[in-house]
C-alpha atoms as a PDB file:
ATOM      1  CA  UNK A   1     -13.697 -14.093  -7.596  1.00  0.00           C
ATOM      2  CA  UNK A   2     -15.382 -10.986  -8.902  1.00  0.00           C
ATOM      3  CA  UNK A   3     -16.422  -9.701 -12.309  1.00  0.00           C
ATOM      4  CA  UNK A   4     -16.415  -5.986 -12.948  1.00  0.00           C
ATOM      5  CA  UNK A   5     -18.189  -4.651 -16.023  1.00  0.00           C
ATOM      6  CA  UNK A   6     -19.944  -1.339 -16.521  1.00  0.00           C
ATOM      7  CA  UNK A   7     -22.491  -0.317 -19.142  1.00  0.00           C
ATOM      8  CA  UNK A   8     -19.787   1.028 -21.473  1.00  0.00           C
ATOM      9  CA  UNK A   9     -17.933  -2.289 -21.318  1.00  0.00           C
ATOM     10  CA  UNK A  10     -14.922  -0.609 -19.763  1.00  0.00           C
ATOM     11  CA  UNK A  11     -13.701  -0.631 -16.191  1.00  0.00           C
ATOM     12  CA  UNK A  12     -11.403   1.081 -13.733  1.00  0.00           C
ATOM     13  CA  UNK A  13      -9.961   0.044 -10.372  1.00  0.00           C
ATOM     14  CA  UNK A  14      -7.820   2.005  -7.916  1.00  0.00           C
ATOM     15  CA  UNK A  15      -5.153   0.077  -5.997  1.00  0.00           C
ATOM     16  CA  UNK A  16      -3.784   0.975  -2.556  1.00  0.00           C
ATOM     17  CA  UNK A  17      -1.048  -0.929  -0.720  1.00  0.00           C
ATOM     18  CA  UNK A  18       0.956  -0.856   2.516  1.00  0.00           C
ATOM     19  CA  UNK A  19      -0.591   2.060   4.397  1.00  0.00           C
ATOM     20  CA  UNK A  20       0.779   0.945   7.788  1.00  0.00           C
ATOM     21  CA  UNK A  21      -1.485   3.180   9.881  1.00  0.00           C
ATOM     22  CA  UNK A  22       0.069   3.746  13.277  1.00  0.00           C
ATOM     23  CA  UNK A  23       3.657   4.096  12.063  1.00  0.00           C
ATOM     24  CA  UNK A  24       5.324   7.489  12.372  1.00  0.00           C
ATOM     25  CA  UNK A  25       5.816   7.549   8.591  1.00  0.00           C
ATOM     26  CA  UNK A  26       2.247   6.653   7.622  1.00  0.00           C
ATOM     27  CA  UNK A  27      -0.109   9.300   6.168  1.00  0.00           C
ATOM     28  CA  UNK A  28      -2.566   9.813   9.023  1.00  0.00           C
ATOM     29  CA  UNK A  29      -6.038  11.393   9.345  1.00  0.00           C
ATOM     30  CA  UNK A  30      -5.953  14.769  11.098  1.00  0.00           C
ATOM     31  CA  UNK A  31      -7.937  13.597  14.122  1.00  0.00           C
ATOM     32  CA  UNK A  32      -5.340  10.874  14.784  1.00  0.00           C
ATOM     33  CA  UNK A  33      -2.343  13.147  14.191  1.00  0.00           C
ATOM     34  CA  UNK A  34      -2.001  15.558  17.111  1.00  0.00           C
ATOM     35  CA  UNK A  35       0.833  18.039  16.807  1.00  0.00           C
ATOM     36  CA  UNK A  36       3.790  16.886  18.972  1.00  0.00           C
ATOM     37  CA  UNK A  37       5.014  18.866  21.975  1.00  0.00           C
ATOM     38  CA  UNK A  38       8.682  19.876  22.433  1.00  0.00           C
ATOM     39  CA  UNK A  39      10.694  17.596  24.772  1.00  0.00           C
ATOM     40  CA  UNK A  40      11.324  19.070  28.217  1.00  0.00           C
ATOM     41  CA  UNK A  41      14.384  17.113  29.358  1.00  0.00           C
ATOM     42  CA  UNK A  42      17.844  16.124  28.122  1.00  0.00           C
ATOM     43  CA  UNK A  43      20.463  17.922  26.062  1.00  0.00           C
ATOM     44  CA  UNK A  44      19.251  21.201  24.592  1.00  0.00           C
ATOM     45  CA  UNK A  45      21.011  20.590  21.274  1.00  0.00           C
ATOM     46  CA  UNK A  46      19.697  17.025  20.974  1.00  0.00           C
ATOM     47  CA  UNK A  47      16.247  18.154  22.039  1.00  0.00           C
ATOM     48  CA  UNK A  48      16.195  20.721  19.259  1.00  0.00           C
ATOM     49  CA  UNK A  49      17.085  18.056  16.733  1.00  0.00           C
ATOM     50  CA  UNK A  50      14.536  15.603  18.139  1.00  0.00           C
ATOM     51  CA  UNK A  51      11.861  18.277  18.070  1.00  0.00           C
ATOM     52  CA  UNK A  52      12.687  19.182  14.476  1.00  0.00           C
ATOM     53  CA  UNK A  53      12.580  15.512  13.431  1.00  0.00           C
ATOM     54  CA  UNK A  54       9.279  14.844  15.243  1.00  0.00           C
ATOM     55  CA  UNK A  55       7.669  17.947  13.807  1.00  0.00           C
ATOM     56  CA  UNK A  56       8.873  17.101  10.295  1.00  0.00           C
ATOM     57  CA  UNK A  57       7.287  13.642  10.547  1.00  0.00           C
ATOM     58  CA  UNK A  58       4.055  15.154  11.894  1.00  0.00           C
ATOM     59  CA  UNK A  59       3.994  17.555   8.945  1.00  0.00           C
ATOM     60  CA  UNK A  60       4.642  14.696   6.520  1.00  0.00           C
ATOM     61  CA  UNK A  61       1.780  12.615   7.965  1.00  0.00           C
ATOM     62  CA  UNK A  62      -0.524  15.609   7.632  1.00  0.00           C
ATOM     63  CA  UNK A  63       0.514  16.670   4.115  1.00  0.00           C
ATOM     64  CA  UNK A  64       0.704  13.114   2.764  1.00  0.00           C
ATOM     65  CA  UNK A  65      -2.815  12.271   3.970  1.00  0.00           C
ATOM     66  CA  UNK A  66      -4.189  15.486   2.459  1.00  0.00           C
ATOM     67  CA  UNK A  67      -2.511  14.559  -0.853  1.00  0.00           C
ATOM     68  CA  UNK A  68      -3.823  10.986  -0.652  1.00  0.00           C
ATOM     69  CA  UNK A  69      -7.406  12.072   0.015  1.00  0.00           C
ATOM     70  CA  UNK A  70      -7.373  14.608  -2.805  1.00  0.00           C
ATOM     71  CA  UNK A  71      -5.931  12.223  -5.382  1.00  0.00           C
ATOM     72  CA  UNK A  72      -7.946   9.207  -4.217  1.00  0.00           C
ATOM     73  CA  UNK A  73     -11.251  11.099  -4.363  1.00  0.00           C
ATOM     74  CA  UNK A  74     -10.443  12.277  -7.887  1.00  0.00           C
ATOM     75  CA  UNK A  75      -9.564   8.779  -9.121  1.00  0.00           C
ATOM     76  CA  UNK A  76     -12.321   6.947  -7.235  1.00  0.00           C
ATOM     77  CA  UNK A  77     -15.078   9.246  -8.479  1.00  0.00           C
ATOM     78  CA  UNK A  78     -15.480   7.178 -11.665  1.00  0.00           C
ATOM     79  CA  UNK A  79     -13.862   3.932 -10.512  1.00  0.00           C
ATOM     80  CA  UNK A  80     -15.732   0.630 -10.431  1.00  0.00           C
ATOM     81  CA  UNK A  81     -13.783  -0.692  -7.468  1.00  0.00           C
ATOM     82  CA  UNK A  82     -10.900  -0.243  -5.065  1.00  0.00           C
ATOM     83  CA  UNK A  83      -8.387  -2.979  -4.293  1.00  0.00           C
ATOM     84  CA  UNK A  84      -6.402  -2.946  -1.046  1.00  0.00           C
ATOM     85  CA  UNK A  85      -3.256  -5.095  -1.203  1.00  0.00           C
ATOM     86  CA  UNK A  86      -2.801  -5.310   2.579  1.00  0.00           C
ATOM     87  CA  UNK A  87      -0.745  -4.093   5.540  1.00  0.00           C
ATOM     88  CA  UNK A  88      -3.306  -1.441   6.329  1.00  0.00           C
ATOM     89  CA  UNK A  89      -1.956  -1.088   9.873  1.00  0.00           C
ATOM     90  CA  UNK A  90       1.514  -1.220  11.401  1.00  0.00           C
ATOM     91  CA  UNK A  91       0.487  -3.403  14.332  1.00  0.00           C
ATOM     92  CA  UNK A  92       2.356  -3.697  17.615  1.00  0.00           C
ATOM     93  CA  UNK A  93       5.065  -6.282  16.890  1.00  0.00           C
ATOM     94  CA  UNK A  94       7.566  -3.796  15.509  1.00  0.00           C
ATOM     95  CA  UNK A  95      11.335  -3.878  15.915  1.00  0.00           C
ATOM     96  CA  UNK A  96      11.208  -0.603  17.808  1.00  0.00           C
ATOM     97  CA  UNK A  97       8.137   0.695  19.631  1.00  0.00           C
ATOM     98  CA  UNK A  98       9.444   4.260  19.234  1.00  0.00           C
ATOM     99  CA  UNK A  99       8.236   4.039  15.622  1.00  0.00           C
ATOM    100  CA  UNK A 100       4.610   3.740  16.676  1.00  0.00           C
ATOM    101  CA  UNK A 101       2.656   6.980  16.403  1.00  0.00           C
ATOM    102  CA  UNK A 102      -0.534   5.132  17.379  1.00  0.00           C
ATOM    103  CA  UNK A 103       0.299   2.475  19.952  1.00  0.00           C
ATOM    104  CA  UNK A 104      -3.084   0.711  20.064  1.00  0.00           C
ATOM    105  CA  UNK A 105      -4.049  -1.727  17.293  1.00  0.00           C
ATOM    106  CA  UNK A 106      -7.766  -0.950  17.603  1.00  0.00           C
ATOM    107  CA  UNK A 107      -7.052   2.746  17.139  1.00  0.00           C
ATOM    108  CA  UNK A 108      -4.791   1.984  14.184  1.00  0.00           C
ATOM    109  CA  UNK A 109      -7.655   0.076  12.587  1.00  0.00           C
ATOM    110  CA  UNK A 110     -10.046   2.943  13.284  1.00  0.00           C
ATOM    111  CA  UNK A 111      -7.623   5.351  11.601  1.00  0.00           C
ATOM    112  CA  UNK A 112      -7.314   2.981   8.629  1.00  0.00           C
ATOM    113  CA  UNK A 113     -11.104   3.000   8.163  1.00  0.00           C
ATOM    114  CA  UNK A 114     -11.141   6.766   7.647  1.00  0.00           C
ATOM    115  CA  UNK A 115      -9.981   6.582   4.013  1.00  0.00           C
ATOM    116  CA  UNK A 116     -12.705   4.182   2.897  1.00  0.00           C
ATOM    117  CA  UNK A 117     -15.388   5.896   4.945  1.00  0.00           C
ATOM    118  CA  UNK A 118     -14.568   9.069   3.008  1.00  0.00           C
ATOM    119  CA  UNK A 119     -14.171   7.454  -0.411  1.00  0.00           C
ATOM    120  CA  UNK A 120     -17.186   5.118  -0.220  1.00  0.00           C
ATOM    121  CA  UNK A 121     -16.051   3.029  -3.204  1.00  0.00           C
ATOM    122  CA  UNK A 122     -18.637   1.170  -5.267  1.00  0.00           C
ATOM    123  CA  UNK A 123     -16.859  -2.099  -4.588  1.00  0.00           C
ATOM    124  CA  UNK A 124     -13.976  -2.790  -2.228  1.00  0.00           C
ATOM    125  CA  UNK A 125     -11.766  -5.878  -2.400  1.00  0.00           C
ATOM    126  CA  UNK A 126      -9.181  -6.481   0.323  1.00  0.00           C
ATOM    127  CA  UNK A 127      -6.451  -9.066   0.816  1.00  0.00           C
ATOM    128  CA  UNK A 128      -4.687  -9.692   4.097  1.00  0.00           C
ATOM    129  CA  UNK A 129      -1.212  -8.323   4.752  1.00  0.00           C
ATOM    130  CA  UNK A 130       1.736  -9.565   6.805  1.00  0.00           C
ATOM    131  CA  UNK A 131       0.440 -11.278   9.965  1.00  0.00           C
ATOM    132  CA  UNK A 132       3.167  -9.718  12.175  1.00  0.00           C
ATOM    133  CA  UNK A 133       1.650  -6.338  11.325  1.00  0.00           C
ATOM    134  CA  UNK A 134      -2.047  -7.047  11.035  1.00  0.00           C
ATOM    135  CA  UNK A 135      -2.748  -9.786  13.602  1.00  0.00           C
ATOM    136  CA  UNK A 136      -2.329  -8.845  17.265  1.00  0.00           C
ATOM    137  CA  UNK A 137      -3.243 -11.041  20.242  1.00  0.00           C
ATOM    138  CA  UNK A 138      -5.201 -13.408  18.029  1.00  0.00           C
ATOM    139  CA  UNK A 139      -7.243 -10.662  16.355  1.00  0.00           C
ATOM    140  CA  UNK A 140      -7.014  -9.998  12.624  1.00  0.00           C
ATOM    141  CA  UNK A 141      -7.501  -6.235  12.525  1.00  0.00           C
ATOM    142  CA  UNK A 142      -7.756  -6.092   8.742  1.00  0.00           C
ATOM    143  CA  UNK A 143     -10.810  -8.347   9.021  1.00  0.00           C
ATOM    144  CA  UNK A 144     -12.258  -5.827  11.488  1.00  0.00           C
ATOM    145  CA  UNK A 145     -11.503  -2.986   9.042  1.00  0.00           C
ATOM    146  CA  UNK A 146     -13.148  -4.923   6.200  1.00  0.00           C
ATOM    147  CA  UNK A 147     -16.274  -5.541   8.283  1.00  0.00           C
ATOM    148  CA  UNK A 148     -16.521  -1.927   9.449  1.00  0.00           C
ATOM    149  CA  UNK A 149     -16.194  -0.323   6.017  1.00  0.00           C
ATOM    150  CA  UNK A 150     -18.368  -2.942   4.307  1.00  0.00           C
ATOM    151  CA  UNK A 151     -15.741  -4.486   2.025  1.00  0.00           C
ATOM    152  CA  UNK A 152     -17.097  -6.863  -0.603  1.00  0.00           C
ATOM    153  CA  UNK A 153     -14.362  -9.405   0.095  1.00  0.00           C
ATOM    154  CA  UNK A 154     -11.477  -9.990   2.479  1.00  0.00           C
ATOM    155  CA  UNK A 155      -9.287 -12.893   1.361  1.00  0.00           C
ATOM    156  CA  UNK A 156      -5.756 -14.233   1.555  1.00  0.00           C
ATOM    157  CA  UNK A 157      -5.497 -13.679  -2.196  1.00  0.00           C
ATOM    158  CA  UNK A 158      -8.041 -12.617  -4.800  1.00  0.00           C
ATOM    159  CA  UNK A 159      -8.864 -13.226  -8.445  1.00  0.00           C
ATOM    160  CA  UNK A 160     -10.602 -10.210  -9.930  1.00  0.00           C
ATOM    161  CA  UNK A 161     -11.880 -10.092 -13.490  1.00  0.00           C
ATOM    162  CA  UNK A 162     -11.870  -6.636 -15.039  1.00  0.00           C
ATOM    163  CA  UNK A 163     -13.550  -6.602 -18.462  1.00  0.00           C
ATOM    164  CA  UNK A 164     -12.318 -10.099 -19.266  1.00  0.00           C
ATOM    165  CA  UNK A 165      -8.797  -9.552 -17.895  1.00  0.00           C
ATOM    166  CA  UNK A 166      -7.811 -11.591 -14.850  1.00  0.00           C
ATOM    167  CA  UNK A 167      -6.009  -9.729 -12.065  1.00  0.00           C
ATOM    168  CA  UNK A 168      -4.367 -11.777  -9.320  1.00  0.00           C
ATOM    169  CA  UNK A 169      -3.887  -9.928  -6.030  1.00  0.00           C
ATOM    170  CA  UNK A 170      -1.746 -11.074  -3.112  1.00  0.00           C
ATOM    171  CA  UNK A 171       0.223  -9.127  -0.530  1.00  0.00           C
ATOM    172  CA  UNK A 172       3.516 -10.916  -0.040  1.00  0.00           C
ATOM    173  CA  UNK A 173       6.436 -10.783  -2.459  1.00  0.00           C
ATOM    174  CA  UNK A 174      10.081 -11.726  -2.046  1.00  0.00           C
ATOM    175  CA  UNK A 175      12.295  -8.638  -1.920  1.00  0.00           C
ATOM    176  CA  UNK A 176      15.795  -8.062  -3.232  1.00  0.00           C
ATOM    177  CA  UNK A 177      18.659  -5.738  -2.348  1.00  0.00           C
ATOM    178  CA  UNK A 178      20.074  -5.813  -5.905  1.00  0.00           C
ATOM    179  CA  UNK A 179      18.281  -3.889  -8.691  1.00  0.00           C
ATOM    180  CA  UNK A 180      18.055  -6.753 -11.197  1.00  0.00           C
ATOM    181  CA  UNK A 181      16.937  -9.162  -8.456  1.00  0.00           C
ATOM    182  CA  UNK A 182      13.717  -7.221  -8.075  1.00  0.00           C
ATOM    183  CA  UNK A 183      12.534  -8.627 -11.408  1.00  0.00           C
ATOM    184  CA  UNK A 184      12.983 -12.252 -10.403  1.00  0.00           C
ATOM    185  CA  UNK A 185      10.314 -12.588  -7.719  1.00  0.00           C
ATOM    186  CA  UNK A 186       7.750 -10.808  -9.917  1.00  0.00           C
ATOM    187  CA  UNK A 187       8.465 -13.079 -12.887  1.00  0.00           C
ATOM    188  CA  UNK A 188       8.185 -16.090 -10.591  1.00  0.00           C
ATOM    189  CA  UNK A 189       4.531 -15.230  -9.902  1.00  0.00           C
ATOM    190  CA  UNK A 190       3.752 -15.676 -13.598  1.00  0.00           C
ATOM    191  CA  UNK A 191       5.496 -19.051 -13.728  1.00  0.00           C
ATOM    192  CA  UNK A 192       3.614 -20.430 -10.726  1.00  0.00           C
ATOM    193  CA  UNK A 193       0.315 -19.133 -12.090  1.00  0.00           C
ATOM    194  CA  UNK A 194       0.894 -21.205 -15.231  1.00  0.00           C
ATOM    195  CA  UNK A 195       1.635 -24.249 -13.065  1.00  0.00           C
ATOM    196  CA  UNK A 196      -1.468 -23.775 -10.913  1.00  0.00           C
ATOM    197  CA  UNK A 197      -3.626 -23.204 -13.980  1.00  0.00           C
ATOM    198  CA  UNK A 198      -2.293 -26.364 -15.628  1.00  0.00           C
ATOM    199  CA  UNK A 199      -3.420 -28.263 -12.516  1.00  0.00           C
ATOM    200  CA  UNK A 200      -6.867 -26.686 -12.887  1.00  0.00           C
ATOM    201  CA  UNK A 201      -6.652 -24.847  -9.574  1.00  0.00           C
ATOM    202  CA  UNK A 202      -6.523 -21.223 -10.771  1.00  0.00           C
ATOM    203  CA  UNK A 203      -9.543 -19.678 -12.512  1.00  0.00           C
ATOM    204  CA  UNK A 204      -7.429 -18.263 -15.331  1.00  0.00           C
ATOM    205  CA  UNK A 205      -4.056 -17.071 -16.555  1.00  0.00           C
ATOM    206  CA  UNK A 206      -3.502 -13.639 -15.086  1.00  0.00           C
ATOM    207  CA  UNK A 207      -3.028 -10.617 -17.308  1.00  0.00           C
ATOM    208  CA  UNK A 208      -1.886  -8.616 -14.281  1.00  0.00           C
ATOM    209  CA  UNK A 209      -0.329  -9.603 -10.960  1.00  0.00           C
ATOM    210  CA  UNK A 210      -0.525  -7.079  -8.105  1.00  0.00           C
ATOM    211  CA  UNK A 211       1.783  -7.494  -5.126  1.00  0.00           C
ATOM    212  CA  UNK A 212       2.707  -5.379  -2.100  1.00  0.00           C
ATOM    213  CA  UNK A 213       4.982  -5.798   0.915  1.00  0.00           C
ATOM    214  CA  UNK A 214       8.309  -4.606  -0.521  1.00  0.00           C
ATOM    215  CA  UNK A 215       7.377  -0.889  -0.788  1.00  0.00           C
ATOM    216  CA  UNK A 216       9.209  -0.445  -4.105  1.00  0.00           C
ATOM    217  CA  UNK A 217       7.505  -0.039  -7.478  1.00  0.00           C
ATOM    218  CA  UNK A 218       8.808  -2.388 -10.183  1.00  0.00           C
ATOM    219  CA  UNK A 219       7.323  -4.143 -13.208  1.00  0.00           C
ATOM    220  CA  UNK A 220       8.057  -7.461 -14.914  1.00  0.00           C
ATOM    221  CA  UNK A 221       6.568  -8.598 -18.202  1.00  0.00           C
ATOM    222  CA  UNK A 222       4.956  -6.413 -20.862  1.00  0.00           C
ATOM    223  CA  UNK A 223       1.583  -6.029 -22.614  1.00  0.00           C
ATOM    224  CA  UNK A 224       3.049  -7.612 -25.758  1.00  0.00           C
ATOM    225  CA  UNK A 225       3.844 -10.700 -23.657  1.00  0.00           C
ATOM    226  CA  UNK A 226       0.271 -10.875 -22.393  1.00  0.00           C
ATOM    227  CA  UNK A 227       1.171 -10.334 -18.745  1.00  0.00           C
ATOM    228  CA  UNK A 228       2.636  -7.849 -16.291  1.00  0.00           C
ATOM    229  CA  UNK A 229       3.534  -8.246 -12.616  1.00  0.00           C
ATOM    230  CA  UNK A 230       3.744  -5.136 -10.481  1.00  0.00           C
ATOM    231  CA  UNK A 231       5.037  -4.485  -7.001  1.00  0.00           C
ATOM    232  CA  UNK A 232       2.844  -1.626  -5.819  1.00  0.00           C
ATOM    233  CA  UNK A 233       4.247   1.572  -4.356  1.00  0.00           C
ATOM    234  CA  UNK A 234       3.504   1.954  -0.657  1.00  0.00           C
ATOM    235  CA  UNK A 235       1.377   4.618   0.944  1.00  0.00           C
ATOM    236  CA  UNK A 236       4.064   5.058   3.567  1.00  0.00           C
ATOM    237  CA  UNK A 237       6.995   7.453   3.703  1.00  0.00           C
ATOM    238  CA  UNK A 238      10.604   7.224   4.787  1.00  0.00           C
ATOM    239  CA  UNK A 239      11.461   6.915   8.462  1.00  0.00           C
ATOM    240  CA  UNK A 240      11.390   3.226   9.329  1.00  0.00           C
ATOM    241  CA  UNK A 241      14.494   2.255  11.313  1.00  0.00           C
ATOM    242  CA  UNK A 242      14.710  -1.233   9.835  1.00  0.00           C
ATOM    243  CA  UNK A 243      14.653   0.104   6.287  1.00  0.00           C
ATOM    244  CA  UNK A 244      16.939   3.047   7.011  1.00  0.00           C
ATOM    245  CA  UNK A 245      19.586   1.139   8.949  1.00  0.00           C
ATOM    246  CA  UNK A 246      19.626  -2.230   7.201  1.00  0.00           C
ATOM    247  CA  UNK A 247      18.443  -1.774   3.616  1.00  0.00           C
ATOM    248  CA  UNK A 248      19.967  -0.004   0.599  1.00  0.00           C
ATOM    249  CA  UNK A 249      17.352  -0.038  -2.147  1.00  0.00           C
ATOM    250  CA  UNK A 250      14.917   2.691  -3.114  1.00  0.00           C
ATOM    251  CA  UNK A 251      11.269   2.682  -2.072  1.00  0.00           C
ATOM    252  CA  UNK A 252       8.297   4.420  -3.700  1.00  0.00           C
ATOM    253  CA  UNK A 253       5.234   6.346  -2.481  1.00  0.00           C
ATOM    254  CA  UNK A 254       1.894   6.400  -4.290  1.00  0.00           C
ATOM    255  CA  UNK A 255      -0.874   4.181  -5.666  1.00  0.00           C
ATOM    256  CA  UNK A 256      -2.024   2.599  -8.924  1.00  0.00           C
ATOM    257  CA  UNK A 257      -4.933   3.024 -11.327  1.00  0.00           C
ATOM    258  CA  UNK A 258      -5.844   0.132 -13.659  1.00  0.00           C
ATOM    259  CA  UNK A 259      -8.188   0.582 -16.637  1.00  0.00           C
ATOM    260  CA  UNK A 260      -9.435  -1.948 -19.182  1.00  0.00           C
ATOM    261  CA  UNK A 261     -11.856  -2.451 -22.049  1.00  0.00           C
ATOM    262  CA  UNK A 262     -13.933  -5.506 -22.833  1.00  0.00           C
ATOM    263  CA  UNK A 263     -12.139  -7.414 -25.560  1.00  0.00           C
ATOM    264  CA  UNK A 264      -9.451  -4.749 -25.636  1.00  0.00           C
ATOM    265  CA  UNK A 265      -6.415  -3.552 -23.781  1.00  0.00           C
ATOM    266  CA  UNK A 266      -5.552  -3.300 -20.094  1.00  0.00           C
ATOM    267  CA  UNK A 267      -3.356  -0.418 -19.006  1.00  0.00           C
ATOM    268  CA  UNK A 268      -2.216   1.001 -15.720  1.00  0.00           C
ATOM    269  CA  UNK A 269      -0.589   4.151 -14.363  1.00  0.00           C
ATOM    270  CA  UNK A 270       1.031   5.286 -11.158  1.00  0.00           C
ATOM    271  CA  UNK A 271      -0.235   8.239  -9.120  1.00  0.00           C
ATOM    272  CA  UNK A 272       2.600   9.883  -7.183  1.00  0.00           C
ATOM    273  CA  UNK A 273       3.303  13.379  -5.796  1.00  0.00           C
ATOM    274  CA  UNK A 274       4.906  15.736  -8.306  1.00  0.00           C
ATOM    275  CA  UNK A 275       7.572  16.712  -5.781  1.00  0.00           C
ATOM    276  CA  UNK A 276       9.383  14.631  -3.171  1.00  0.00           C
ATOM    277  CA  UNK A 277       7.743  15.006   0.233  1.00  0.00           C
ATOM    278  CA  UNK A 278      10.868  13.802   2.039  1.00  0.00           C
ATOM    279  CA  UNK A 279      14.574  14.194   1.379  1.00  0.00           C
ATOM    280  CA  UNK A 280      17.706  13.206   3.308  1.00  0.00           C
ATOM    281  CA  UNK A 281      19.408  16.076   5.085  1.00  0.00           C
ATOM    282  CA  UNK A 282      23.165  16.548   4.872  1.00  0.00           C
ATOM    283  CA  UNK A 283      25.473  17.965   7.581  1.00  0.00           C
ATOM    284  CA  UNK A 284      28.243  20.329   6.529  1.00  0.00           C
ATOM    285  CA  UNK A 285      31.413  20.484   8.630  1.00  0.00           C
ATOM    286  CA  UNK A 286      32.507  23.742   7.041  1.00  0.00           C
END
């Protein structure tokens, strides 16, 4: 647990989730994002398309990381803390190794450290992500990241008190392929919090629940109800084969900012690019 209060009795936290460093669609520091070379074998027409696709992803990784750094520095300049909701690296146990831009988990973790080494947040709270991504060969690489960047905590789930408002942070959340189903798993978090609190095993009733994992940005609850549950947007773009070939729902790119006042309101906002960085391309027969 942590209590965050500044001298003005107000507070601000910045929330990042699902960065998946190492994946071809993850915003990547420049020194880990070498420009790809054109293929030198196979069909000329297919090679041209492969080259265009690879270069487009390289450009996305470059532009998206530049955007992230610029916006994160601006928001973190007066923030009391940063919260990381997990899945900082892609790991090696992917469905298709061709999706790995960085094929070494240690190097993925090193790339993931770059953001926090540049931001140097006043406080940094991390929760662990999906083990199939973050734990490789018995090593929890998010623990290594937390140690290297000097995180204040690294936990399975965290209770963070911002100006008297409890925030419950955990990575995993059940997803849904129907729009209205995306509300259900968020609302469920509130119900179980009430059950745990009644048993005396949660420190409080959460005003805000922060979850990751699903890569889409949805909200359940409302301030007038005294609670909100949010699935955080991911800091990862389009290009995952599992998502593209098997899933239908939308996903979202960006991060959150949460602000609160002692004895007053808690509010949050989403920071996202003004323009879409990626868009599906159509093929015209004639």
